[in-house]
Full PDB file with SEQRES, HELIX, SHEET, SSBOND, CRYST1, ORIGX, SCALE, CONECT and MASTER records, all heavy atoms in Angstrom:
SEQRES   1 A   38  MET PHE GLU MET CYS ARG ALA PHE SER GLN GLY LYS GLY          
SEQRES   2 A   38  PHE GLU GLY GLY VAL GLY CYS ALA VAL PHE THR ILE ALA          
SEQRES   3 A   38  ALA LEU PRO VAL TYR GLU PHE ALA LEU LYS ASN ALA              
HELIX    1 AA1 PHE A    2  SER A    9  1                                   8    
HELIX    2 AA2 GLY A   16  ASN A   37  1                                  22    
CRYST1    1.000    1.000    1.000  90.00  90.00  90.00 P 1           1          
ORIGX1      1.000000  0.000000  0.000000        0.00000                         
ORIGX2      0.000000  1.000000  0.000000        0.00000                         
ORIGX3      0.000000  0.000000  1.000000        0.00000                         
SCALE1      1.000000  0.000000  0.000000        0.00000                         
SCALE2      0.000000  1.000000  0.000000        0.00000                         
SCALE3      0.000000  0.000000  1.000000        0.00000                         
ATOM      1  N   MET A   1      -2.092  -6.448   2.344  1.00  0.00           N  
ATOM      2  CA  MET A   1      -2.190  -5.224   3.178  1.00  0.00           C  
ATOM      3  C   MET A   1      -3.620  -4.859   3.522  1.00  0.00           C  
ATOM      4  O   MET A   1      -3.900  -4.497   4.678  1.00  0.00           O  
ATOM      5  CB  MET A   1      -1.525  -4.051   2.446  1.00  0.00           C  
ATOM      6  CG  MET A   1       0.001  -4.095   2.433  1.00  0.00           C  
ATOM      7  SD  MET A   1       0.740  -2.519   1.874  1.00  0.00           S  
ATOM      8  CE  MET A   1       0.319  -2.556   0.148  1.00  0.00           C  
ATOM      9  N   PHE A   2      -4.516  -5.010   2.539  1.00  0.00           N  
ATOM     10  CA  PHE A   2      -5.911  -4.708   2.867  1.00  0.00           C  
ATOM     11  C   PHE A   2      -6.545  -5.711   3.838  1.00  0.00           C  
ATOM     12  O   PHE A   2      -7.365  -5.364   4.684  1.00  0.00           O  
ATOM     13  CB  PHE A   2      -6.734  -4.720   1.517  1.00  0.00           C  
ATOM     14  CG  PHE A   2      -6.705  -3.390   0.849  1.00  0.00           C  
ATOM     15  CD1 PHE A   2      -5.877  -3.167  -0.202  1.00  0.00           C  
ATOM     16  CD2 PHE A   2      -7.513  -2.357   1.260  1.00  0.00           C  
ATOM     17  CE1 PHE A   2      -5.838  -1.926  -0.866  1.00  0.00           C  
ATOM     18  CE2 PHE A   2      -7.488  -1.107   0.665  1.00  0.00           C  
ATOM     19  CZ  PHE A   2      -6.658  -0.923  -0.419  1.00  0.00           C  
ATOM     20  N   GLU A   3      -6.090  -6.939   3.800  1.00  0.00           N  
ATOM     21  CA  GLU A   3      -6.562  -7.922   4.791  1.00  0.00           C  
ATOM     22  C   GLU A   3      -6.051  -7.527   6.169  1.00  0.00           C  
ATOM     23  O   GLU A   3      -6.835  -7.593   7.171  1.00  0.00           O  
ATOM     24  CB  GLU A   3      -6.036  -9.327   4.444  1.00  0.00           C  
ATOM     25  CG  GLU A   3      -6.768  -9.955   3.253  1.00  0.00           C  
ATOM     26  CD  GLU A   3      -6.207 -11.321   2.914  1.00  0.00           C  
ATOM     27  OE1 GLU A   3      -5.158 -11.763   3.539  1.00  0.00           O  
ATOM     28  OE2 GLU A   3      -6.764 -11.979   2.012  1.00  0.00           O  
ATOM     29  N   MET A   4      -4.853  -7.118   6.316  1.00  0.00           N  
ATOM     30  CA  MET A   4      -4.352  -6.658   7.626  1.00  0.00           C  
ATOM     31  C   MET A   4      -5.020  -5.398   8.073  1.00  0.00           C  
ATOM     32  O   MET A   4      -5.350  -5.240   9.250  1.00  0.00           O  
ATOM     33  CB  MET A   4      -2.814  -6.458   7.516  1.00  0.00           C  
ATOM     34  CG  MET A   4      -2.107  -6.155   8.855  1.00  0.00           C  
ATOM     35  SD  MET A   4      -2.208  -7.597   9.986  1.00  0.00           S  
ATOM     36  CE  MET A   4      -1.074  -8.718   9.170  1.00  0.00           C  
ATOM     37  N   CYS A   5      -5.274  -4.532   7.140  1.00  0.00           N  
ATOM     38  CA  CYS A   5      -6.011  -3.251   7.463  1.00  0.00           C  
ATOM     39  C   CYS A   5      -7.400  -3.582   7.971  1.00  0.00           C  
ATOM     40  O   CYS A   5      -7.832  -2.999   9.009  1.00  0.00           O  
ATOM     41  CB  CYS A   5      -6.086  -2.435   6.204  1.00  0.00           C  
ATOM     42  SG  CYS A   5      -6.994  -0.879   6.405  1.00  0.00           S  
ATOM     43  N   ARG A   6      -8.082  -4.518   7.346  1.00  0.00           N  
ATOM     44  CA  ARG A   6      -9.416  -4.866   7.793  1.00  0.00           C  
ATOM     45  C   ARG A   6      -9.379  -5.586   9.154  1.00  0.00           C  
ATOM     46  O   ARG A   6     -10.311  -5.355   9.941  1.00  0.00           O  
ATOM     47  CB  ARG A   6     -10.061  -5.785   6.736  1.00  0.00           C  
ATOM     48  CG  ARG A   6     -11.516  -6.212   7.060  1.00  0.00           C  
ATOM     49  CD  ARG A   6     -12.130  -6.951   5.934  1.00  0.00           C  
ATOM     50  NE  ARG A   6     -11.364  -8.105   5.512  1.00  0.00           N  
ATOM     51  CZ  ARG A   6     -11.595  -8.864   4.471  1.00  0.00           C  
ATOM     52  NH1 ARG A   6     -12.650  -8.573   3.672  1.00  0.00           N  
ATOM     53  NH2 ARG A   6     -10.849  -9.862   4.151  1.00  0.00           N  
ATOM     54  N   ALA A   7      -8.341  -6.366   9.379  1.00  0.00           N  
ATOM     55  CA  ALA A   7      -8.278  -7.072  10.668  1.00  0.00           C  
ATOM     56  C   ALA A   7      -8.206  -6.022  11.823  1.00  0.00           C  
ATOM     57  O   ALA A   7      -8.843  -6.223  12.859  1.00  0.00           O  
ATOM     58  CB  ALA A   7      -6.988  -7.951  10.692  1.00  0.00           C  
ATOM     59  N   PHE A   8      -7.433  -5.042  11.681  1.00  0.00           N  
ATOM     60  CA  PHE A   8      -7.192  -4.056  12.779  1.00  0.00           C  
ATOM     61  C   PHE A   8      -8.418  -3.122  12.853  1.00  0.00           C  
ATOM     62  O   PHE A   8      -8.830  -2.732  13.971  1.00  0.00           O  
ATOM     63  CB  PHE A   8      -5.958  -3.186  12.540  1.00  0.00           C  
ATOM     64  CG  PHE A   8      -4.732  -3.878  13.017  1.00  0.00           C  
ATOM     65  CD1 PHE A   8      -3.827  -4.446  12.115  1.00  0.00           C  
ATOM     66  CD2 PHE A   8      -4.426  -4.012  14.353  1.00  0.00           C  
ATOM     67  CE1 PHE A   8      -2.647  -5.056  12.522  1.00  0.00           C  
ATOM     68  CE2 PHE A   8      -3.307  -4.625  14.826  1.00  0.00           C  
ATOM     69  CZ  PHE A   8      -2.347  -5.172  13.918  1.00  0.00           C  
ATOM     70  N   SER A   9      -9.009  -2.715  11.773  1.00  0.00           N  
ATOM     71  CA  SER A   9     -10.112  -1.772  11.752  1.00  0.00           C  
ATOM     72  C   SER A   9     -11.421  -2.439  12.133  1.00  0.00           C  
ATOM     73  O   SER A   9     -12.399  -1.754  12.407  1.00  0.00           O  
ATOM     74  CB  SER A   9     -10.228  -1.066  10.432  1.00  0.00           C  
ATOM     75  OG  SER A   9     -10.702  -1.981   9.436  1.00  0.00           O  
ATOM     76  N   GLN A  10     -11.459  -3.795  12.094  1.00  0.00           N  
ATOM     77  CA  GLN A  10     -12.674  -4.517  12.426  1.00  0.00           C  
ATOM     78  C   GLN A  10     -13.849  -4.134  11.540  1.00  0.00           C  
ATOM     79  O   GLN A  10     -14.999  -4.143  11.951  1.00  0.00           O  
ATOM     80  CB  GLN A  10     -13.072  -4.300  13.884  1.00  0.00           C  
ATOM     81  CG  GLN A  10     -12.026  -4.790  14.929  1.00  0.00           C  
ATOM     82  CD  GLN A  10     -11.990  -6.329  14.947  1.00  0.00           C  
ATOM     83  OE1 GLN A  10     -12.970  -6.978  15.243  1.00  0.00           O  
ATOM     84  NE2 GLN A  10     -10.798  -6.903  14.714  1.00  0.00           N  
ATOM     85  N   GLY A  11     -13.526  -3.725  10.308  1.00  0.00           N  
ATOM     86  CA  GLY A  11     -14.575  -3.379   9.381  1.00  0.00           C  
ATOM     87  C   GLY A  11     -15.269  -2.093   9.642  1.00  0.00           C  
ATOM     88  O   GLY A  11     -16.336  -1.772   9.060  1.00  0.00           O  
ATOM     89  N   LYS A  12     -14.704  -1.271  10.545  1.00  0.00           N  
ATOM     90  CA  LYS A  12     -15.344   0.003  10.928  1.00  0.00           C  
ATOM     91  C   LYS A  12     -14.884   1.187  10.064  1.00  0.00           C  
ATOM     92  O   LYS A  12     -15.208   2.333  10.385  1.00  0.00           O  
ATOM     93  CB  LYS A  12     -15.086   0.301  12.429  1.00  0.00           C  
ATOM     94  CG  LYS A  12     -15.698  -0.678  13.353  1.00  0.00           C  
ATOM     95  CD  LYS A  12     -15.482  -0.311  14.823  1.00  0.00           C  
ATOM     96  CE  LYS A  12     -14.001  -0.438  15.188  1.00  0.00           C  
ATOM     97  NZ  LYS A  12     -13.800  -0.204  16.647  1.00  0.00           N  
ATOM     98  N   GLY A  13     -14.203   0.895   8.992  1.00  0.00           N  
ATOM     99  CA  GLY A  13     -13.725   1.985   8.122  1.00  0.00           C  
ATOM    100  C   GLY A  13     -12.406   1.600   7.531  1.00  0.00           C  
ATOM    101  O   GLY A  13     -11.651   0.825   8.140  1.00  0.00           O  
ATOM    102  N   PHE A  14     -12.115   2.115   6.377  1.00  0.00           N  
ATOM    103  CA  PHE A  14     -10.906   1.728   5.677  1.00  0.00           C  
ATOM    104  C   PHE A  14     -10.008   2.921   5.354  1.00  0.00           C  
ATOM    105  O   PHE A  14      -9.431   3.033   4.282  1.00  0.00           O  
ATOM    106  CB  PHE A  14     -11.230   0.995   4.394  1.00  0.00           C  
ATOM    107  CG  PHE A  14     -11.716  -0.409   4.656  1.00  0.00           C  
ATOM    108  CD1 PHE A  14     -13.070  -0.692   4.711  1.00  0.00           C  
ATOM    109  CD2 PHE A  14     -10.833  -1.484   4.817  1.00  0.00           C  
ATOM    110  CE1 PHE A  14     -13.538  -1.948   4.997  1.00  0.00           C  
ATOM    111  CE2 PHE A  14     -11.287  -2.748   5.076  1.00  0.00           C  
ATOM    112  CZ  PHE A  14     -12.641  -2.995   5.158  1.00  0.00           C  
ATOM    113  N   GLU A  15      -9.908   3.867   6.326  1.00  0.00           N  
ATOM    114  CA  GLU A  15      -9.125   5.007   6.163  1.00  0.00           C  
ATOM    115  C   GLU A  15      -7.654   4.587   5.911  1.00  0.00           C  
ATOM    116  O   GLU A  15      -6.878   5.118   5.157  1.00  0.00           O  
ATOM    117  CB  GLU A  15      -9.121   5.939   7.389  1.00  0.00           C  
ATOM    118  CG  GLU A  15     -10.473   6.703   7.539  1.00  0.00           C  
ATOM    119  CD  GLU A  15     -11.537   5.886   8.237  1.00  0.00           C  
ATOM    120  OE1 GLU A  15     -11.247   4.685   8.516  1.00  0.00           O  
ATOM    121  OE2 GLU A  15     -12.635   6.433   8.483  1.00  0.00           O  
ATOM    122  N   GLY A  16      -7.247   3.487   6.677  1.00  0.00           N  
ATOM    123  CA  GLY A  16      -5.914   2.956   6.518  1.00  0.00           C  
ATOM    124  C   GLY A  16      -5.653   2.366   5.126  1.00  0.00           C  
ATOM    125  O   GLY A  16      -4.520   2.235   4.704  1.00  0.00           O  
ATOM    126  N   GLY A  17      -6.769   2.004   4.462  1.00  0.00           N  
ATOM    127  CA  GLY A  17      -6.685   1.418   3.110  1.00  0.00           C  
ATOM    128  C   GLY A  17      -6.165   2.414   2.087  1.00  0.00           C  
ATOM    129  O   GLY A  17      -5.623   1.997   1.068  1.00  0.00           O  
ATOM    130  N   VAL A  18      -6.257   3.731   2.358  1.00  0.00           N  
ATOM    131  CA  VAL A  18      -5.751   4.656   1.411  1.00  0.00           C  
ATOM    132  C   VAL A  18      -4.232   4.560   1.296  1.00  0.00           C  
ATOM    133  O   VAL A  18      -3.692   4.560   0.198  1.00  0.00           O  
ATOM    134  CB  VAL A  18      -6.146   6.113   1.843  1.00  0.00           C  
ATOM    135  CG1 VAL A  18      -5.525   7.113   0.902  1.00  0.00           C  
ATOM    136  CG2 VAL A  18      -7.677   6.263   1.915  1.00  0.00           C  
ATOM    137  N   GLY A  19      -3.568   4.509   2.384  1.00  0.00           N  
ATOM    138  CA  GLY A  19      -2.115   4.291   2.410  1.00  0.00           C  
ATOM    139  C   GLY A  19      -1.725   2.974   1.737  1.00  0.00           C  
ATOM    140  O   GLY A  19      -0.755   2.901   1.018  1.00  0.00           O  
ATOM    141  N   CYS A  20      -2.462   1.935   2.036  1.00  0.00           N  
ATOM    142  CA  CYS A  20      -2.198   0.633   1.414  1.00  0.00           C  
ATOM    143  C   CYS A  20      -2.314   0.710  -0.111  1.00  0.00           C  
ATOM    144  O   CYS A  20      -1.523   0.099  -0.800  1.00  0.00           O  
ATOM    145  CB  CYS A  20      -3.191  -0.472   1.945  1.00  0.00           C  
ATOM    146  SG  CYS A  20      -3.040  -0.770   3.697  1.00  0.00           S  
ATOM    147  N   ALA A  21      -3.370   1.428  -0.596  1.00  0.00           N  
ATOM    148  CA  ALA A  21      -3.576   1.554  -2.003  1.00  0.00           C  
ATOM    149  C   ALA A  21      -2.376   2.335  -2.675  1.00  0.00           C  
ATOM    150  O   ALA A  21      -1.865   1.944  -3.732  1.00  0.00           O  
ATOM    151  CB  ALA A  21      -4.876   2.287  -2.284  1.00  0.00           C  
ATOM    152  N   VAL A  22      -1.972   3.390  -2.012  1.00  0.00           N  
ATOM    153  CA  VAL A  22      -0.837   4.176  -2.549  1.00  0.00           C  
ATOM    154  C   VAL A  22       0.422   3.338  -2.637  1.00  0.00           C  
ATOM    155  O   VAL A  22       1.171   3.348  -3.573  1.00  0.00           O  
ATOM    156  CB  VAL A  22      -0.568   5.418  -1.691  1.00  0.00           C  
ATOM    157  CG1 VAL A  22       0.672   6.204  -2.160  1.00  0.00           C  
ATOM    158  CG2 VAL A  22      -1.791   6.385  -1.813  1.00  0.00           C  
ATOM    159  N   PHE A  23       0.697   2.571  -1.518  1.00  0.00           N  
ATOM    160  CA  PHE A  23       1.841   1.722  -1.512  1.00  0.00           C  
ATOM    161  C   PHE A  23       1.846   0.680  -2.610  1.00  0.00           C  
ATOM    162  O   PHE A  23       2.871   0.433  -3.294  1.00  0.00           O  
ATOM    163  CB  PHE A  23       1.996   1.033  -0.147  1.00  0.00           C  
ATOM    164  CG  PHE A  23       3.340   0.395   0.080  1.00  0.00           C  
ATOM    165  CD1 PHE A  23       4.310   1.047   0.766  1.00  0.00           C  
ATOM    166  CD2 PHE A  23       3.552  -0.951  -0.289  1.00  0.00           C  
ATOM    167  CE1 PHE A  23       5.573   0.476   0.976  1.00  0.00           C  
ATOM    168  CE2 PHE A  23       4.788  -1.524  -0.068  1.00  0.00           C  
ATOM    169  CZ  PHE A  23       5.806  -0.863   0.555  1.00  0.00           C  
ATOM    170  N   THR A  24       0.701   0.063  -2.799  1.00  0.00           N  
ATOM    171  CA  THR A  24       0.532  -0.978  -3.848  1.00  0.00           C  
ATOM    172  C   THR A  24       0.805  -0.403  -5.255  1.00  0.00           C  
ATOM    173  O   THR A  24       1.444  -1.013  -6.040  1.00  0.00           O  
ATOM    174  CB  THR A  24      -0.900  -1.611  -3.792  1.00  0.00           C  
ATOM    175  OG1 THR A  24      -1.141  -2.122  -2.476  1.00  0.00           O  
ATOM    176  CG2 THR A  24      -1.072  -2.660  -4.820  1.00  0.00           C  
ATOM    177  N   ILE A  25       0.219   0.790  -5.483  1.00  0.00           N  
ATOM    178  CA  ILE A  25       0.367   1.389  -6.787  1.00  0.00           C  
ATOM    179  C   ILE A  25       1.773   1.875  -7.036  1.00  0.00           C  
ATOM    180  O   ILE A  25       2.322   1.755  -8.189  1.00  0.00           O  
ATOM    181  CB  ILE A  25      -0.656   2.579  -6.985  1.00  0.00           C  
ATOM    182  CG1 ILE A  25      -2.071   2.048  -6.915  1.00  0.00           C  
ATOM    183  CG2 ILE A  25      -0.316   3.360  -8.213  1.00  0.00           C  
ATOM    184  CD1 ILE A  25      -3.108   3.159  -6.848  1.00  0.00           C  
ATOM    185  N   ALA A  26       2.487   2.370  -5.988  1.00  0.00           N  
ATOM    186  CA  ALA A  26       3.759   2.999  -6.170  1.00  0.00           C  
ATOM    187  C   ALA A  26       4.949   2.055  -6.073  1.00  0.00           C  
ATOM    188  O   ALA A  26       6.006   2.360  -6.569  1.00  0.00           O  
ATOM    189  CB  ALA A  26       3.915   4.141  -5.181  1.00  0.00           C  
ATOM    190  N   ALA A  27       4.770   0.902  -5.418  1.00  0.00           N  
ATOM    191  CA  ALA A  27       5.889   0.027  -5.095  1.00  0.00           C  
ATOM    192  C   ALA A  27       6.700  -0.418  -6.346  1.00  0.00           C  
ATOM    193  O   ALA A  27       7.922  -0.293  -6.354  1.00  0.00           O  
ATOM    194  CB  ALA A  27       5.429  -1.168  -4.274  1.00  0.00           C  
ATOM    195  N   LEU A  28       6.006  -0.905  -7.333  1.00  0.00           N  
ATOM    196  CA  LEU A  28       6.707  -1.410  -8.494  1.00  0.00           C  
ATOM    197  C   LEU A  28       7.375  -0.294  -9.299  1.00  0.00           C  
ATOM    198  O   LEU A  28       8.561  -0.452  -9.654  1.00  0.00           O  
ATOM    199  CB  LEU A  28       5.744  -2.211  -9.399  1.00  0.00           C  
ATOM    200  CG  LEU A  28       6.341  -2.920 -10.587  1.00  0.00           C  
ATOM    201  CD1 LEU A  28       7.457  -3.872 -10.169  1.00  0.00           C  
ATOM    202  CD2 LEU A  28       5.282  -3.714 -11.365  1.00  0.00           C  
ATOM    203  N   PRO A  29       6.736   0.849  -9.552  1.00  0.00           N  
ATOM    204  CA  PRO A  29       7.445   1.947 -10.174  1.00  0.00           C  
ATOM    205  C   PRO A  29       8.636   2.413  -9.426  1.00  0.00           C  
ATOM    206  O   PRO A  29       9.644   2.796  -9.986  1.00  0.00           O  
ATOM    207  CB  PRO A  29       6.348   3.029 -10.296  1.00  0.00           C  
ATOM    208  CG  PRO A  29       5.043   2.282 -10.286  1.00  0.00           C  
ATOM    209  CD  PRO A  29       5.286   1.135  -9.417  1.00  0.00           C  
ATOM    210  N   VAL A  30       8.518   2.455  -8.048  1.00  0.00           N  
ATOM    211  CA  VAL A  30       9.669   2.873  -7.248  1.00  0.00           C  
ATOM    212  C   VAL A  30      10.821   1.897  -7.442  1.00  0.00           C  
ATOM    213  O   VAL A  30      11.992   2.368  -7.594  1.00  0.00           O  
ATOM    214  CB  VAL A  30       9.261   2.874  -5.754  1.00  0.00           C  
ATOM    215  CG1 VAL A  30      10.451   2.861  -4.838  1.00  0.00           C  
ATOM    216  CG2 VAL A  30       8.368   4.088  -5.453  1.00  0.00           C  
ATOM    217  N   TYR A  31      10.571   0.606  -7.541  1.00  0.00           N  
ATOM    218  CA  TYR A  31      11.676  -0.328  -7.707  1.00  0.00           C  
ATOM    219  C   TYR A  31      12.263  -0.230  -9.094  1.00  0.00           C  
ATOM    220  O   TYR A  31      13.463  -0.278  -9.273  1.00  0.00           O  
ATOM    221  CB  TYR A  31      11.216  -1.730  -7.452  1.00  0.00           C  
ATOM    222  CG  TYR A  31      12.409  -2.682  -7.310  1.00  0.00           C  
ATOM    223  CD1 TYR A  31      13.248  -2.648  -6.198  1.00  0.00           C  
ATOM    224  CD2 TYR A  31      12.732  -3.549  -8.336  1.00  0.00           C  
ATOM    225  CE1 TYR A  31      14.352  -3.443  -6.102  1.00  0.00           C  
ATOM    226  CE2 TYR A  31      13.834  -4.416  -8.231  1.00  0.00           C  
ATOM    227  CZ  TYR A  31      14.631  -4.340  -7.128  1.00  0.00           C  
ATOM    228  OH  TYR A  31      15.764  -5.141  -7.014  1.00  0.00           O  
ATOM    229  N   GLU A  32      11.399   0.001 -10.106  1.00  0.00           N  
ATOM    230  CA  GLU A  32      11.911   0.165 -11.462  1.00  0.00           C  
ATOM    231  C   GLU A  32      12.771   1.462 -11.487  1.00  0.00           C  
ATOM    232  O   GLU A  32      13.843   1.419 -12.154  1.00  0.00           O  
ATOM    233  CB  GLU A  32      10.707   0.359 -12.384  1.00  0.00           C  
ATOM    234  CG  GLU A  32       9.957  -0.930 -12.694  1.00  0.00           C  
ATOM    235  CD  GLU A  32      10.680  -1.845 -13.627  1.00  0.00           C  
ATOM    236  OE1 GLU A  32      11.537  -1.396 -14.406  1.00  0.00           O  
ATOM    237  OE2 GLU A  32      10.361  -3.049 -13.610  1.00  0.00           O  
ATOM    238  N   PHE A  33      12.404   2.509 -10.837  1.00  0.00           N  
ATOM    239  CA  PHE A  33      13.172   3.721 -10.765  1.00  0.00           C  
ATOM    240  C   PHE A  33      14.502   3.451 -10.125  1.00  0.00           C  
ATOM    241  O   PHE A  33      15.548   3.917 -10.582  1.00  0.00           O  
ATOM    242  CB  PHE A  33      12.399   4.805  -9.993  1.00  0.00           C  
ATOM    243  CG  PHE A  33      13.201   6.039  -9.717  1.00  0.00           C  
ATOM    244  CD1 PHE A  33      13.324   7.007 -10.701  1.00  0.00           C  
ATOM    245  CD2 PHE A  33      13.824   6.233  -8.492  1.00  0.00           C  
ATOM    246  CE1 PHE A  33      14.056   8.156 -10.437  1.00  0.00           C  
ATOM    247  CE2 PHE A  33      14.535   7.361  -8.220  1.00  0.00           C  
ATOM    248  CZ  PHE A  33      14.673   8.305  -9.207  1.00  0.00           C  
ATOM    249  N   ALA A  34      14.515   2.655  -9.044  1.00  0.00           N  
ATOM    250  CA  ALA A  34      15.726   2.379  -8.323  1.00  0.00           C  
ATOM    251  C   ALA A  34      16.716   1.628  -9.174  1.00  0.00           C  
ATOM    252  O   ALA A  34      17.931   1.906  -9.183  1.00  0.00           O  
ATOM    253  CB  ALA A  34      15.438   1.627  -7.060  1.00  0.00           C  
ATOM    254  N   LEU A  35      16.179   0.668  -9.963  1.00  0.00           N  
ATOM    255  CA  LEU A  35      17.071  -0.116 -10.794  1.00  0.00           C  
ATOM    256  C   LEU A  35      17.722   0.690 -11.901  1.00  0.00           C  
ATOM    257  O   LEU A  35      18.894   0.516 -12.267  1.00  0.00           O  
ATOM    258  CB  LEU A  35      16.284  -1.326 -11.456  1.00  0.00           C  
ATOM    259  CG  LEU A  35      15.918  -2.441 -10.559  1.00  0.00           C  
ATOM    260  CD1 LEU A  35      15.133  -3.488 -11.342  1.00  0.00           C  
ATOM    261  CD2 LEU A  35      17.128  -3.084  -9.877  1.00  0.00           C  
ATOM    262  N   LYS A  36      16.963   1.668 -12.440  1.00  0.00           N  
ATOM    263  CA  LYS A  36      17.485   2.471 -13.527  1.00  0.00           C  
ATOM    264  C   LYS A  36      18.446   3.574 -13.054  1.00  0.00           C  
ATOM    265  O   LYS A  36      19.247   4.063 -13.842  1.00  0.00           O  
ATOM    266  CB  LYS A  36      16.338   3.111 -14.290  1.00  0.00           C  
ATOM    267  CG  LYS A  36      15.474   2.103 -15.043  1.00  0.00           C  
ATOM    268  CD  LYS A  36      14.297   2.796 -15.749  1.00  0.00           C  
ATOM    269  CE  LYS A  36      13.440   1.761 -16.504  1.00  0.00           C  
ATOM    270  NZ  LYS A  36      12.291   2.408 -17.155  1.00  0.00           N  
ATOM    271  N   ASN A  37      18.309   3.901 -11.789  1.00  0.00           N  
ATOM    272  CA  ASN A  37      19.089   5.063 -11.307  1.00  0.00           C  
ATOM    273  C   ASN A  37      20.146   4.689 -10.258  1.00  0.00           C  
ATOM    274  O   ASN A  37      20.986   5.537  -9.931  1.00  0.00           O  
ATOM    275  CB  ASN A  37      18.180   6.126 -10.705  1.00  0.00           C  
ATOM    276  CG  ASN A  37      17.337   6.791 -11.763  1.00  0.00           C  
ATOM    277  OD1 ASN A  37      17.734   7.749 -12.410  1.00  0.00           O  
ATOM    278  ND2 ASN A  37      16.126   6.240 -11.963  1.00  0.00           N  
ATOM    279  N   ALA A  38      20.085   3.495  -9.720  1.00  0.00           N  
ATOM    280  CA  ALA A  38      21.112   3.094  -8.712  1.00  0.00           C  
ATOM    281  C   ALA A  38      21.268   1.573  -8.691  1.00  0.00           C  
ATOM    282  O   ALA A  38      21.748   0.998  -9.595  1.00  0.00           O  
ATOM    283  CB  ALA A  38      20.708   3.670  -7.379  1.00  0.00           C  
TER     284      ALA A  38                                                      
MASTER        0    0    0    2    0    0    0    6  283    1    0    3          
END                                                                             
């Protein structure tokens, strides 16, 4: 995700990287939650 973010931003800033970081951190816990609850 960060590579794709850098490709579009052309290295002029990584504001989009904030969303990428949140997705990376949350994805696995979200799936674990889904397995336990549904």
